Amino acid sequence: MVSQHEILKAAAVGDGAGALGNSTAVGGDCADSLTSEIVVERDLAACMRDGVTLYADVYRPRESGRFPALLMRTPYGKEGSSLLATTISAVRRGYVVLVQDVRGLGKSEGRWVPHFQERNDGYDTIEWVASLPYVNGKVGTLGVSYLAEAQWVTAPTRPQHLLAVAPTMNYASHKHFFFEGGVFRTTFMKAILALQARERAQLGLPIISDEAWAHGGESWMTHLPLAELPLMKEFPYWAEWVNNPVESDYWKPVDIEAQHDQITVPALNITGWHDDYYGQPGAIRNFEGMRAGGGSDRARRGQRLIIGPWSHGDPSLTNTSALGVDYGLNAGIDFIELQLRFFDYWLKGIDDGYTKEPPVRIFVMGDNVWRDEHEWPLARTRYTDLHLNTGGVLAAAAPTADSSDTFVYDPRHPLRIPHLDASGKGVAVDWDSVISRDDVLTYTSAPFDSDTEITGQILAKLWISSTAPDTDFSARVLVVEPSGHMCPLTRDPGMLRARYRNTEDLQPPRPLTPSEPTELTISLGYTSYVIKSGHRLRVFVAGSVFPAVHLNVWGPFTSMSQAVMAKQTVHHTPVHASKIVLPVVPR
């Protein structure tokens, strides 16, 4: 049922930063020529296959006719202003736009079961949208973060009327979202708790404020056993997540990259070099996987990849800085126009030169320029090894003699890298305090003798041994300026639960043989960054990074009393040569 009709006189949208233009500022006849009427229908009901009703707001041209539709499905509230600039621009371009509250949130009925529910609900909603009298049967989807993840979770179900998707900053697999290197991530708990507010109120449970999180968040993320966290007792999916390891079939519905051959639509994949830990592997692995093995020729040739210097959120013409670094005016993009050109081609058949453009566009930090590429990874990449050597040296030369470094990892005192404060705001990291710990090994290169571009994925291949049957290893690369100031080369540390051996191809879990060298492969993330002449690289290796604390035991974690200290060894010998692999691009 339509609860409300409105007619908006919508002014022209500016640079896509999220605000509507003010028509009164234009004046005279120009003001009339820059406006158009938009019909808004609030709370349009869509019935899902199980009888639950979801509600959407519809924005459409007032002109009669049938138009292609763009759908955004959100957990953040369909009436929020953050989607309005995109919505108005799209309607003015001749699209019907629908913004729907996902199940259990906003005005929609049902219980919210994050991510998993979007498979069927997304399918049912897309087919419902296509049936509306002002829609011509052609549907595209778009949105950032959860809105993007919902698109990918739905795509393998192959809705008949879904023609293209534009997911921004999302995951490709549970292996890089719920987990990282087989390590269960508890850091997303804060976002989950915030979105539970409606249901918590209905159940008479405490609503977790930012202040409550600041006081209790650390204890909640490290509670043992984690599946029995009292705060999550009334939400069964939490125990399911914790009790199902990364290799469990439970995760199949949200393992997107395992279903690429079932997806038949083009995708505009967008992420940022400073996106959250899952964003880069999400966009890149979906792009690569769909190009190689998508479920149709249309899907394979219709993949695009855009990576800018952004953190998590909407790119725009004015969003040009991240983590305290301003990349200049060239860093901005017209995010809305980028998406609409994509849909103009795939939903309207308008080719304004779109098909002649290369499929990859990246921002090269350091040079601070955009660059088009024809593939990812770049074919001209020269993969270059830097070996971990005795004395904390990082060098091209491989070890010529047997040596090793050791540290003791104590689960009661894990490594902490506080890049966010209690409220979630970014803070500067004191890297000296991190690398000076006794349980952190560091290796530093000589100064680079020329500017060197690193574009692609950085890998650590570590030969390790441990006195524990299972443990975590982490590693990270820092850029060291001549002044001694350090900054991370990639967004997050690489982490791996040793039982899985390889972050990029998780192996069936098996214990370590005490003190026996074992090779681990750990992704250290992706970047496009020019290391300036005179700068150095520094690699550090450690154990668990808080709050993902491994107790150095094989079985399930039930109490911190299980925790045991482990002696960790990193080998650098001619036979067991630990190294990082840099994707160097010739200049």
Protein backbone atom coordinates (compact mmCIF):
# COMPACT_ATOMS: atom_id res chain seq x y z
CA MET A 1 0.00 0.00 0.00
CA VAL A 2 1.22 3.48 -0.84
CA SER A 3 1.07 5.53 2.35
CA GLN A 4 2.08 8.86 0.89
CA HIS A 5 2.50 10.67 -2.44
CA GLU A 6 4.77 13.62 -2.85
CA ILE A 7 5.92 15.79 -5.70
CA LEU A 8 9.44 17.14 -5.32
CA LYS A 9 10.84 20.05 -7.27
CA ALA A 10 14.40 18.71 -7.25
CA ALA A 11 17.25 21.07 -7.98
CA ALA A 12 20.26 20.01 -9.98
CA VAL A 13 22.71 17.92 -7.96
CA GLY A 14 26.23 19.26 -7.63
CA ASP A 15 29.33 17.12 -7.29
CA GLY A 16 27.77 14.05 -5.69
CA ALA A 17 28.97 14.89 -2.18
CA GLY A 18 25.54 14.08 -0.79
CA ALA A 19 23.56 17.36 -0.66
CA LEU A 20 20.85 18.70 -2.94
CA GLY A 21 21.56 21.92 -4.75
CA ASN A 22 19.59 25.01 -3.78
CA SER A 23 17.42 26.07 -6.71
CA THR A 24 16.99 29.57 -5.31
CA ALA A 25 20.69 30.17 -5.88
CA VAL A 26 20.29 29.80 -9.66
CA GLY A 27 17.58 32.44 -10.26
CA GLY A 28 15.36 33.43 -13.17
CA ASP A 29 14.57 31.15 -16.07
CA CYS A 30 17.73 29.11 -15.41
CA ALA A 31 16.20 27.79 -12.21
CA ASP A 32 13.22 26.38 -14.09
CA SER A 33 15.40 24.76 -16.72
CA LEU A 34 17.45 22.96 -14.08
CA THR A 35 14.55 21.36 -12.22
CA SER A 36 12.30 18.40 -12.84
CA GLU A 37 9.41 16.87 -10.97
CA ILE A 38 9.89 13.59 -9.11
CA VAL A 39 7.08 11.46 -7.72
CA VAL A 40 7.84 9.87 -4.34
CA GLU A 41 5.83 6.91 -3.05
CA ARG A 42 6.54 6.01 0.56
CA ASP A 43 6.40 2.55 2.12
CA LEU A 44 5.55 0.48 -0.92
CA ALA A 45 5.04 -3.09 0.33
CA ALA A 46 6.73 -6.14 -1.15
CA CYS A 47 5.73 -9.58 0.11
CA MET A 48 8.56 -12.12 0.35
CA ARG A 49 8.12 -15.83 -0.33
CA ASP A 50 7.66 -16.56 3.41
CA GLY A 51 4.97 -13.90 3.86
CA VAL A 52 7.17 -11.25 5.47
CA THR A 53 6.59 -7.72 4.12
CA LEU A 54 9.47 -5.39 3.29
CA TYR A 55 8.93 -1.69 2.65
CA ALA A 56 10.54 0.55 0.06
CA ASP A 57 10.37 4.19 -0.97
CA VAL A 58 10.00 4.75 -4.71
CA TYR A 59 11.32 7.76 -6.59
CA ARG A 60 10.26 8.04 -10.22
CA PRO A 61 9.85 10.53 -13.05
CA ARG A 62 6.46 12.16 -13.16
CA GLU A 63 6.32 11.60 -16.90
CA SER A 64 4.20 8.66 -17.99
CA GLY A 65 5.95 5.62 -19.31
CA ARG A 66 8.04 2.67 -18.14
CA PHE A 67 11.65 3.11 -17.08
CA PRO A 68 14.59 0.93 -15.99
CA ALA A 69 14.86 0.63 -12.21
CA LEU A 70 17.75 0.94 -9.78
CA LEU A 71 17.41 -0.77 -6.39
CA MET A 72 19.22 -0.10 -3.13
CA ARG A 73 18.54 -2.42 -0.19
CA THR A 74 19.78 -0.95 3.08
CA PRO A 75 20.02 -1.80 6.79
CA TYR A 76 20.70 1.85 7.65
CA GLY A 77 17.22 3.29 7.06
CA LYS A 78 15.67 3.95 3.66
CA GLU A 79 14.86 7.55 4.52
CA GLY A 80 18.45 8.52 5.26
CA SER A 81 19.87 11.50 3.38
CA SER A 82 23.10 9.73 2.36
CA LEU A 83 21.37 8.08 -0.61
CA LEU A 84 19.39 11.11 -1.75
CA ALA A 85 21.94 12.67 -4.12
CA THR A 86 22.31 9.39 -6.02
CA THR A 87 18.55 8.92 -6.05
CA ILE A 88 17.72 12.38 -7.42
CA SER A 89 20.45 12.19 -10.07
CA ALA A 90 19.25 8.79 -11.24
CA VAL A 91 15.60 9.82 -11.52
CA ARG A 92 16.60 12.91 -13.48
CA ARG A 93 18.49 10.53 -15.77
CA GLY A 94 15.33 8.53 -16.46
CA TYR A 95 15.41 5.78 -13.84
CA VAL A 96 12.96 4.62 -11.23
CA VAL A 97 14.83 4.32 -7.92
CA LEU A 98 13.72 2.13 -5.03
CA VAL A 99 15.29 2.24 -1.58
CA GLN A 100 14.20 -0.68 0.60
CA ASP A 101 14.68 -1.44 4.29
CA VAL A 102 16.07 -4.96 4.58
CA ARG A 103 14.23 -7.54 6.65
CA GLY A 104 14.05 -6.76 10.35
CA LEU A 105 15.29 -3.18 10.07
CA GLY A 106 13.74 0.21 9.42
CA LYS A 107 10.05 -0.29 8.66
CA SER A 108 10.37 -3.81 7.25
CA GLU A 109 8.96 -6.82 9.09
CA GLY A 110 10.78 -9.91 10.32
CA ARG A 111 14.01 -10.64 12.20
CA TRP A 112 17.32 -9.41 10.86
CA VAL A 113 19.77 -12.22 10.10
CA PRO A 114 22.76 -10.34 8.65
CA HIS A 115 23.86 -11.19 5.10
CA PHE A 116 22.31 -14.66 4.85
CA GLN A 117 18.74 -13.36 4.51
CA GLU A 118 19.64 -11.21 1.50
CA ARG A 119 19.93 -14.18 -0.86
CA ASN A 120 16.21 -14.88 -1.15
CA ASP A 121 14.94 -11.44 -0.15
CA GLY A 122 17.07 -9.84 -2.84
CA TYR A 123 15.73 -12.20 -5.51
CA ASP A 124 12.10 -11.66 -4.49
CA THR A 125 12.52 -7.89 -4.34
CA ILE A 126 14.16 -7.63 -7.77
CA GLU A 127 11.37 -9.62 -9.40
CA TRP A 128 8.77 -7.51 -7.57
CA VAL A 129 10.45 -4.30 -8.77
CA ALA A 130 10.37 -5.55 -12.36
CA SER A 131 6.61 -6.09 -12.10
CA LEU A 132 5.78 -2.51 -11.11
CA PRO A 133 3.68 -0.69 -13.74
CA TYR A 134 6.24 2.09 -14.31
CA VAL A 135 9.25 -0.27 -14.61
CA ASN A 136 10.21 -1.70 -18.01
CA GLY A 137 11.52 -4.98 -16.59
CA LYS A 138 15.17 -3.94 -16.47
CA VAL A 139 16.67 -3.77 -12.97
CA GLY A 140 20.11 -2.79 -11.67
CA THR A 141 21.36 -2.69 -8.09
CA LEU A 142 23.84 -0.40 -6.37
CA GLY A 143 25.12 0.71 -2.98
CA VAL A 144 28.06 0.80 -0.59
CA SER A 145 29.18 -1.63 2.14
CA TYR A 146 26.24 -3.79 3.33
CA LEU A 147 24.21 -2.53 0.36
CA ALA A 148 26.96 -3.89 -1.89
CA GLU A 149 27.25 -7.20 -0.06
CA ALA A 150 23.50 -7.72 -0.40
CA GLN A 151 23.89 -7.40 -4.19
CA TRP A 152 26.55 -10.10 -4.43
CA VAL A 153 24.74 -12.48 -2.09
CA THR A 154 21.67 -12.23 -4.33
CA ALA A 155 23.45 -12.41 -7.69
CA PRO A 156 24.06 -16.20 -7.79
CA THR A 157 20.28 -16.78 -7.57
CA ARG A 158 20.00 -15.27 -11.08
CA PRO A 159 16.89 -13.07 -10.86
CA GLN A 160 15.49 -12.98 -14.39
CA HIS A 161 15.25 -9.18 -14.52
CA LEU A 162 18.59 -8.30 -12.91
CA LEU A 163 20.85 -6.91 -15.66
CA ALA A 164 23.78 -5.25 -13.83
CA VAL A 165 25.18 -4.61 -10.33
CA ALA A 166 27.37 -1.80 -8.95
CA PRO A 167 28.72 -2.96 -5.57
CA THR A 168 31.10 -0.59 -3.76
CA MET A 169 33.40 -1.63 -0.90
CA ASN A 170 32.29 -5.16 -0.11
CA TYR A 171 33.59 -8.70 0.38
CA ALA A 172 34.09 -11.56 -2.06
CA SER A 173 33.93 -14.33 0.52
CA HIS A 174 33.32 -15.00 4.18
CA LYS A 175 37.04 -15.93 4.20
CA HIS A 176 37.92 -12.24 4.00
CA PHE A 177 35.06 -10.75 6.02
CA PHE A 178 33.81 -12.92 8.86
CA PHE A 179 37.33 -14.33 8.93
CA GLU A 180 40.79 -13.20 7.92
CA GLY A 181 43.33 -15.94 7.31
CA GLY A 182 40.99 -18.31 9.14
CA VAL A 183 40.86 -15.97 12.16
CA PHE A 184 37.31 -15.04 13.19
CA ARG A 185 36.89 -11.25 13.18
CA THR A 186 35.11 -9.76 16.17
CA THR A 187 35.79 -6.16 15.17
CA PHE A 188 32.49 -5.91 13.26
CA MET A 189 30.59 -6.59 16.50
CA LYS A 190 30.11 -2.86 17.15
CA ALA A 191 28.26 -2.39 13.84
CA ILE A 192 26.11 -5.48 14.47
CA LEU A 193 25.13 -4.26 17.93
CA ALA A 194 24.13 -0.86 16.57
CA LEU A 195 21.87 -2.41 13.94
CA GLN A 196 20.25 -4.65 16.56
CA ALA A 197 18.78 -1.60 18.31
CA ARG A 198 15.20 -2.09 17.07
CA GLU A 199 15.05 -5.75 17.99
CA ARG A 200 16.78 -5.18 21.31
CA ALA A 201 14.10 -2.64 22.21
CA GLN A 202 11.38 -5.10 21.19
CA LEU A 203 12.96 -7.84 23.35
CA GLY A 204 13.57 -5.55 26.32
CA LEU A 205 17.35 -5.90 25.95
CA PRO A 206 19.84 -3.10 26.53
CA ILE A 207 20.62 -0.98 23.48
CA ILE A 208 24.37 -0.63 23.10
CA SER A 209 25.38 3.02 22.82
CA ASP A 210 28.79 4.32 21.77
CA GLU A 211 29.47 5.03 25.43
CA ALA A 212 28.58 1.45 26.40
CA TRP A 213 30.86 0.13 23.65
CA ALA A 214 33.71 2.33 24.85
CA HIS A 215 33.42 0.75 28.29
CA GLY A 216 32.64 -2.85 27.37
CA GLY A 217 33.70 -3.45 23.76
CA GLU A 218 37.07 -5.00 24.48
CA SER A 219 35.69 -7.47 27.00
CA TRP A 220 32.87 -8.45 24.64
CA MET A 221 35.20 -9.06 21.69
CA THR A 222 37.47 -11.28 23.79
CA HIS A 223 34.81 -13.08 25.84
CA LEU A 224 35.35 -16.83 26.21
CA PRO A 225 33.70 -18.94 25.04
CA LEU A 226 32.82 -16.37 22.39
CA ALA A 227 29.72 -18.28 21.22
CA GLU A 228 28.22 -17.85 24.68
CA LEU A 229 28.63 -14.10 24.90
CA PRO A 230 25.65 -13.07 27.09
CA LEU A 231 25.14 -9.92 25.04
CA MET A 232 24.31 -12.08 21.99
CA LYS A 233 22.28 -14.78 23.73
CA GLU A 234 19.00 -13.81 22.00
CA PHE A 235 20.56 -13.70 18.54
CA PRO A 236 21.16 -17.30 17.37
CA TYR A 237 23.19 -16.33 14.33
CA TRP A 238 26.06 -15.20 16.58
CA ALA A 239 26.67 -18.68 17.99
CA GLU A 240 26.31 -20.12 14.49
CA TRP A 241 29.01 -17.80 13.18
CA VAL A 242 31.42 -18.53 16.01
CA ASN A 243 30.85 -22.29 16.06
CA ASN A 244 31.29 -22.79 12.31
CA PRO A 245 34.95 -22.55 11.25
CA VAL A 246 35.91 -20.95 7.98
CA GLU A 247 35.93 -24.30 6.14
CA SER A 248 32.35 -25.19 7.18
CA ASP A 249 29.63 -25.62 4.53
CA TYR A 250 27.54 -23.26 6.67
CA TRP A 251 29.21 -20.34 4.90
CA LYS A 252 28.45 -21.39 1.32
CA PRO A 253 25.56 -18.94 0.78
CA VAL A 254 27.88 -15.97 1.44
CA ASP A 255 30.97 -17.34 -0.33
CA ILE A 256 30.57 -15.22 -3.44
CA GLU A 257 33.77 -16.17 -5.23
CA ALA A 258 32.84 -19.86 -5.03
CA GLN A 259 29.67 -18.98 -6.99
CA HIS A 260 31.11 -16.77 -9.73
CA ASP A 261 30.12 -19.32 -12.34
CA GLN A 262 26.49 -18.84 -11.28
CA ILE A 263 26.53 -15.06 -11.72
CA THR A 264 25.54 -13.77 -15.16
CA VAL A 265 25.55 -9.98 -14.77
CA PRO A 266 28.19 -7.26 -15.34
CA ALA A 267 29.58 -5.56 -12.23
CA LEU A 268 31.15 -2.21 -11.45
CA ASN A 269 33.56 -3.11 -8.62
CA ILE A 270 34.77 -0.13 -6.56
CA THR A 271 37.04 0.01 -3.51
CA GLY A 272 39.71 2.18 -1.91
CA TRP A 273 43.34 1.59 -0.99
CA HIS A 274 42.36 2.54 2.57
CA ASP A 275 39.08 0.62 2.58
CA ASP A 276 38.26 -1.70 5.48
CA TYR A 277 40.16 -5.00 5.58
CA TYR A 278 37.68 -6.82 3.34
CA GLY A 279 37.12 -4.13 0.70
CA GLN A 280 40.21 -4.60 -1.45
CA PRO A 281 40.11 -8.39 -1.66
CA GLY A 282 36.36 -8.08 -2.20
CA ALA A 283 36.47 -5.85 -5.27
CA ILE A 284 39.66 -7.34 -6.71
CA ARG A 285 38.80 -11.02 -6.23
CA ASN A 286 35.28 -10.49 -7.58
CA PHE A 287 36.68 -8.65 -10.60
CA GLU A 288 39.31 -11.30 -11.32
CA GLY A 289 37.01 -14.23 -10.62
CA MET A 290 34.14 -12.91 -12.69
CA ARG A 291 36.37 -12.02 -15.64
CA ALA A 292 37.82 -15.53 -15.66
CA GLY A 293 34.81 -17.62 -14.69
CA GLY A 294 31.59 -15.60 -14.68
CA GLY A 295 28.43 -17.42 -15.68
CA SER A 296 27.98 -15.68 -19.04
CA ASP A 297 30.00 -13.90 -21.69
CA ARG A 298 28.13 -10.74 -20.81
CA ALA A 299 29.24 -11.05 -17.20
CA ARG A 300 32.86 -11.86 -18.05
CA ARG A 301 33.35 -8.93 -20.42
CA GLY A 302 31.24 -6.57 -18.31
CA GLN A 303 33.50 -6.37 -15.25
CA ARG A 304 35.03 -3.03 -14.24
CA LEU A 305 37.41 -2.27 -11.37
CA ILE A 306 37.96 1.19 -9.82
CA ILE A 307 40.36 1.70 -6.88
CA GLY A 308 40.96 5.13 -5.41
CA PRO A 309 42.79 6.53 -2.37
CA TRP A 310 39.72 6.37 -0.14
CA SER A 311 38.73 4.85 3.14
CA HIS A 312 35.39 3.11 3.62
CA GLY A 313 32.40 5.13 2.40
CA ASP A 314 31.11 7.04 -0.62
CA PRO A 315 33.79 8.45 -2.94
CA SER A 316 33.13 11.94 -4.31
CA LEU A 317 34.77 14.88 -6.04
CA THR A 318 35.64 16.37 -2.65
CA ASN A 319 36.78 13.17 -0.91
CA THR A 320 40.51 13.47 -1.58
CA SER A 321 42.19 12.52 1.71
CA ALA A 322 42.50 9.46 3.92
CA LEU A 323 44.31 8.68 7.17
CA GLY A 324 45.69 12.19 7.34
CA VAL A 325 47.12 12.26 3.79
CA ASP A 326 45.69 14.66 1.19
CA TYR A 327 46.12 13.24 -2.31
CA GLY A 328 45.14 16.43 -4.10
CA LEU A 329 42.18 17.47 -6.21
CA ASN A 330 42.90 14.78 -8.81
CA ALA A 331 41.90 12.12 -6.29
CA GLY A 332 38.20 12.98 -6.42
CA ILE A 333 35.74 11.33 -8.78
CA ASP A 334 32.11 11.93 -9.71
CA PHE A 335 30.91 8.74 -8.06
CA ILE A 336 27.29 9.19 -9.08
CA GLU A 337 28.12 9.82 -12.74
CA LEU A 338 30.46 6.83 -12.74
CA GLN A 339 27.63 4.54 -11.68
CA LEU A 340 25.00 6.08 -13.96
CA ARG A 341 27.20 5.73 -17.07
CA PHE A 342 27.59 2.05 -16.19
CA PHE A 343 23.83 1.59 -15.94
CA ASP A 344 23.17 3.74 -19.01
CA TYR A 345 25.09 1.18 -21.04
CA TRP A 346 23.82 -2.04 -19.49
CA LEU A 347 20.18 -1.00 -18.87
CA LYS A 348 19.61 1.53 -21.68
CA GLY A 349 22.13 0.50 -24.33
CA ILE A 350 23.73 3.96 -24.43
CA ASP A 351 27.36 3.75 -25.50
CA ASP A 352 29.01 7.17 -25.22
CA GLY A 353 32.45 5.60 -25.56
CA TYR A 354 32.01 3.45 -22.46
CA THR A 355 32.92 0.18 -24.19
CA LYS A 356 36.19 1.65 -25.49
CA GLU A 357 37.46 2.45 -22.01
CA PRO A 358 39.92 0.07 -20.28
CA PRO A 359 38.30 -2.11 -17.60
CA VAL A 360 40.62 -1.05 -14.75
CA ARG A 361 41.25 2.42 -13.31
CA ILE A 362 43.54 2.90 -10.33
CA PHE A 363 44.90 5.85 -8.37
CA VAL A 364 48.69 5.71 -7.94
CA MET A 365 49.54 7.16 -4.54
CA GLY A 366 52.77 9.10 -4.39
CA ASP A 367 52.42 10.21 -7.99
CA ASN A 368 48.81 11.09 -7.08
CA VAL A 369 47.42 10.39 -10.55
CA TRP A 370 44.72 8.18 -12.02
CA ARG A 371 45.82 5.55 -14.52
CA ASP A 372 43.90 3.22 -16.82
CA GLU A 373 44.93 -0.43 -17.09
CA HIS A 374 43.79 -3.31 -19.25
CA GLU A 375 44.03 -6.08 -16.66
CA TRP A 376 44.58 -6.93 -13.02
CA PRO A 377 47.11 -7.90 -11.85
CA LEU A 378 49.19 -5.78 -14.22
CA ALA A 379 50.87 -7.94 -16.85
CA ARG A 380 54.10 -5.94 -16.69
CA THR A 381 54.56 -6.55 -12.95
CA ARG A 382 57.98 -7.76 -11.85
CA TYR A 383 57.52 -9.76 -8.67
CA THR A 384 60.51 -8.95 -6.51
CA ASP A 385 61.66 -10.85 -3.42
CA LEU A 386 63.01 -9.09 -0.35
CA HIS A 387 64.41 -11.63 2.10
CA LEU A 388 64.37 -11.52 5.87
CA ASN A 389 67.98 -11.84 6.95
CA THR A 390 69.88 -12.08 10.21
CA GLY A 391 70.39 -8.84 12.08
CA GLY A 392 67.00 -7.44 11.07
CA VAL A 393 68.02 -6.86 7.46
CA LEU A 394 65.52 -6.87 4.58
CA ALA A 395 67.37 -7.38 1.31
CA ALA A 396 67.16 -8.82 -2.19
CA ALA A 397 69.97 -11.24 -1.38
CA ALA A 398 68.81 -14.60 -0.05
CA PRO A 399 70.41 -15.98 3.13
CA THR A 400 73.67 -17.85 2.59
CA ALA A 401 73.87 -19.39 6.06
CA ASP A 402 71.46 -20.91 8.56
CA SER A 403 69.96 -18.41 11.00
CA SER A 404 66.65 -17.61 12.66
CA ASP A 405 64.91 -15.16 14.97
CA THR A 406 62.60 -16.05 17.81
CA PHE A 407 60.04 -14.37 20.01
CA VAL A 408 57.65 -15.54 22.71
CA TYR A 409 53.97 -15.00 22.00
CA ASP A 410 51.89 -14.71 25.17
CA PRO A 411 48.11 -14.70 24.50
CA ARG A 412 47.60 -12.68 27.67
CA HIS A 413 49.54 -9.78 26.15
CA PRO A 414 48.83 -9.75 22.39
CA LEU A 415 50.02 -7.09 20.00
CA ARG A 416 47.79 -4.03 19.87
CA ILE A 417 47.69 -1.58 16.96
CA PRO A 418 45.12 1.03 18.03
CA HIS A 419 44.32 2.81 14.75
CA LEU A 420 40.82 3.66 16.05
CA ASP A 421 39.76 5.20 19.34
CA ALA A 422 36.84 3.95 21.43
CA SER A 423 34.35 5.94 19.33
CA GLY A 424 35.67 4.50 16.06
CA LYS A 425 37.57 7.60 14.93
CA GLY A 426 40.98 7.19 13.35
CA VAL A 427 44.02 7.98 15.47
CA ALA A 428 47.73 8.19 14.68
CA VAL A 429 49.63 5.00 15.47
CA ASP A 430 52.86 5.17 17.46
CA TRP A 431 54.73 2.67 15.31
CA ASP A 432 57.89 2.93 17.42
CA SER A 433 55.99 1.54 20.40
CA VAL A 434 54.68 -1.31 18.23
CA ILE A 435 57.97 -2.47 16.75
CA SER A 436 59.95 -2.03 19.96
CA ARG A 437 58.06 -4.83 21.72
CA ASP A 438 60.00 -7.97 22.60
CA ASP A 439 57.43 -10.11 20.78
CA VAL A 440 57.80 -8.27 17.45
CA LEU A 441 60.53 -9.02 14.90
CA THR A 442 61.54 -6.25 12.50
CA TYR A 443 63.51 -6.24 9.25
CA THR A 444 64.50 -3.03 7.45
CA SER A 445 65.72 -2.44 3.91
CA ALA A 446 68.42 -0.07 2.70
CA PRO A 447 67.14 3.23 1.29
CA PHE A 448 65.67 2.89 -2.20
CA ASP A 449 67.98 4.48 -4.76
CA SER A 450 65.14 5.54 -7.07
CA ASP A 451 61.38 6.03 -6.99
CA THR A 452 59.80 2.56 -7.09
CA GLU A 453 56.17 1.79 -7.84
CA ILE A 454 54.48 -1.02 -5.93
CA THR A 455 51.13 -1.89 -7.51
CA GLY A 456 49.34 -5.13 -6.66
CA GLN A 457 49.16 -7.63 -3.84
CA ILE A 458 52.03 -7.96 -1.36
CA LEU A 459 52.68 -11.42 0.04
CA ALA A 460 54.76 -12.67 2.96
CA LYS A 461 56.17 -16.18 2.60
CA LEU A 462 57.42 -17.08 6.04
CA TRP A 463 59.17 -20.25 7.11
CA ILE A 464 58.14 -20.60 10.74
CA SER A 465 58.13 -23.10 13.55
CA SER A 466 56.37 -23.03 16.90
CA THR A 467 56.21 -24.97 20.13
CA ALA A 468 52.40 -24.76 19.84
CA PRO A 469 50.24 -27.09 17.73
CA ASP A 470 48.42 -24.06 16.36
CA THR A 471 48.97 -20.33 16.63
CA ASP A 472 48.55 -17.07 14.73
CA PHE A 473 51.17 -15.14 12.79
CA SER A 474 50.79 -11.57 11.58
CA ALA A 475 52.98 -9.36 9.41
CA ARG A 476 52.95 -5.83 8.06
CA VAL A 477 55.00 -3.55 5.81
CA LEU A 478 55.82 0.03 6.80
CA VAL A 479 57.36 2.82 4.73
CA VAL A 480 60.16 4.57 6.62
CA GLU A 481 60.89 8.16 5.62
CA PRO A 482 64.40 9.67 5.96
CA SER A 483 63.17 11.46 9.11
CA GLY A 484 62.31 8.10 10.67
CA HIS A 485 58.57 8.68 10.42
CA MET A 486 56.71 5.45 9.56
CA CYS A 487 53.42 4.84 7.77
CA PRO A 488 51.79 1.57 6.69
CA LEU A 489 52.07 0.55 3.05
CA THR A 490 48.68 -1.21 3.20
CA ARG A 491 45.50 -0.74 5.23
CA ASP A 492 45.73 -3.66 7.70
CA PRO A 493 48.18 -6.28 8.92
CA GLY A 494 48.09 -9.69 7.30
CA MET A 495 46.95 -12.44 9.65
CA LEU A 496 46.92 -16.22 9.38
CA ARG A 497 45.89 -19.04 11.68
CA ALA A 498 48.76 -21.44 11.10
CA ARG A 499 46.53 -24.50 10.75
CA TYR A 500 45.36 -23.13 7.36
CA ARG A 501 48.87 -22.39 5.98
CA ASN A 502 47.83 -19.91 3.24
CA THR A 503 45.51 -16.89 3.34
CA GLU A 504 44.97 -17.05 -0.44
CA ASP A 505 44.18 -20.75 -0.58
CA LEU A 506 43.14 -21.99 2.85
CA GLN A 507 44.30 -25.57 3.32
CA PRO A 508 42.48 -28.27 5.30
CA PRO A 509 43.34 -27.60 8.93
CA ARG A 510 46.25 -29.55 10.33
CA PRO A 511 48.44 -28.96 13.37
CA LEU A 512 52.01 -27.79 13.29
CA THR A 513 54.72 -30.29 14.09
CA PRO A 514 56.60 -28.79 17.04
CA SER A 515 59.82 -27.03 15.99
CA GLU A 516 59.50 -28.23 12.38
CA PRO A 517 59.84 -25.49 9.73
CA THR A 518 56.55 -24.87 7.90
CA GLU A 519 55.89 -22.35 5.15
CA LEU A 520 53.05 -19.87 5.65
CA THR A 521 51.75 -17.55 2.93
CA ILE A 522 50.13 -14.37 4.23
CA SER A 523 48.54 -11.61 2.19
CA LEU A 524 49.71 -8.20 3.36
CA GLY A 525 47.09 -6.43 1.28
CA TYR A 526 46.99 -4.47 -1.97
CA THR A 527 48.29 -1.06 -2.89
CA SER A 528 49.46 1.26 -5.65
CA TYR A 529 52.16 3.36 -4.05
CA VAL A 530 55.39 4.99 -5.20
CA ILE A 531 58.19 4.51 -2.67
CA LYS A 532 60.31 7.62 -2.98
CA SER A 533 64.06 7.56 -3.38
CA GLY A 534 65.73 7.56 0.04
CA HIS A 535 62.79 5.85 1.75
CA ARG A 536 63.05 2.35 3.20
CA LEU A 537 60.70 -0.56 3.87
CA ARG A 538 60.33 -2.18 7.26
CA VAL A 539 58.59 -5.50 7.82
CA PHE A 540 57.45 -6.67 11.22
CA VAL A 541 56.33 -10.16 12.21
CA ALA A 542 54.34 -10.94 15.36
CA GLY A 543 51.69 -13.25 16.81
CA SER A 544 48.00 -12.48 17.26
CA VAL A 545 46.80 -8.91 16.82
CA PHE A 546 44.19 -7.89 19.40
CA PRO A 547 41.28 -8.60 19.59
CA ALA A 548 41.84 -11.82 17.57
CA VAL A 549 43.76 -13.63 20.32
CA HIS A 550 44.90 -17.23 19.74
CA LEU A 551 45.49 -19.28 22.92
CA ASN A 552 48.11 -21.54 21.24
CA VAL A 553 45.92 -24.63 21.64
CA TRP A 554 44.34 -26.90 19.04
CA GLY A 555 40.82 -27.26 20.41
CA PRO A 556 38.04 -24.68 20.86
CA PHE A 557 38.73 -21.72 23.12
CA THR A 558 36.61 -21.95 26.28
CA SER A 559 38.66 -20.06 28.85
CA MET A 560 41.75 -17.87 29.03
CA SER A 561 43.06 -20.40 31.57
CA GLN A 562 43.87 -22.59 28.56
CA ALA A 563 46.32 -20.05 27.21
CA VAL A 564 49.95 -21.11 26.95
CA MET A 565 52.98 -19.18 25.82
CA ALA A 566 54.63 -20.31 22.59
CA LYS A 567 58.13 -19.88 21.25
CA GLN A 568 57.82 -18.68 17.66
CA THR A 569 60.70 -18.95 15.21
CA VAL A 570 61.13 -17.28 11.83
CA HIS A 571 63.74 -19.08 9.74
CA HIS A 572 66.02 -17.48 7.16
CA THR A 573 68.25 -20.14 5.70
CA PRO A 574 69.19 -21.12 2.14
CA VAL A 575 66.56 -23.88 2.31
CA HIS A 576 63.94 -22.03 4.37
CA ALA A 577 64.24 -18.45 3.12
CA SER A 578 61.52 -16.19 4.52
CA LYS A 579 60.64 -13.24 2.31
CA ILE A 580 58.10 -10.73 1.17
CA VAL A 581 57.09 -10.54 -2.49
CA LEU A 582 56.61 -7.03 -3.89
CA PRO A 583 54.68 -6.34 -7.13
CA VAL A 584 57.10 -3.84 -8.69
CA VAL A 585 55.88 -1.99 -11.79
CA PRO A 586 58.62 -0.72 -14.13
CA ARG A 587 58.69 3.05 -14.62
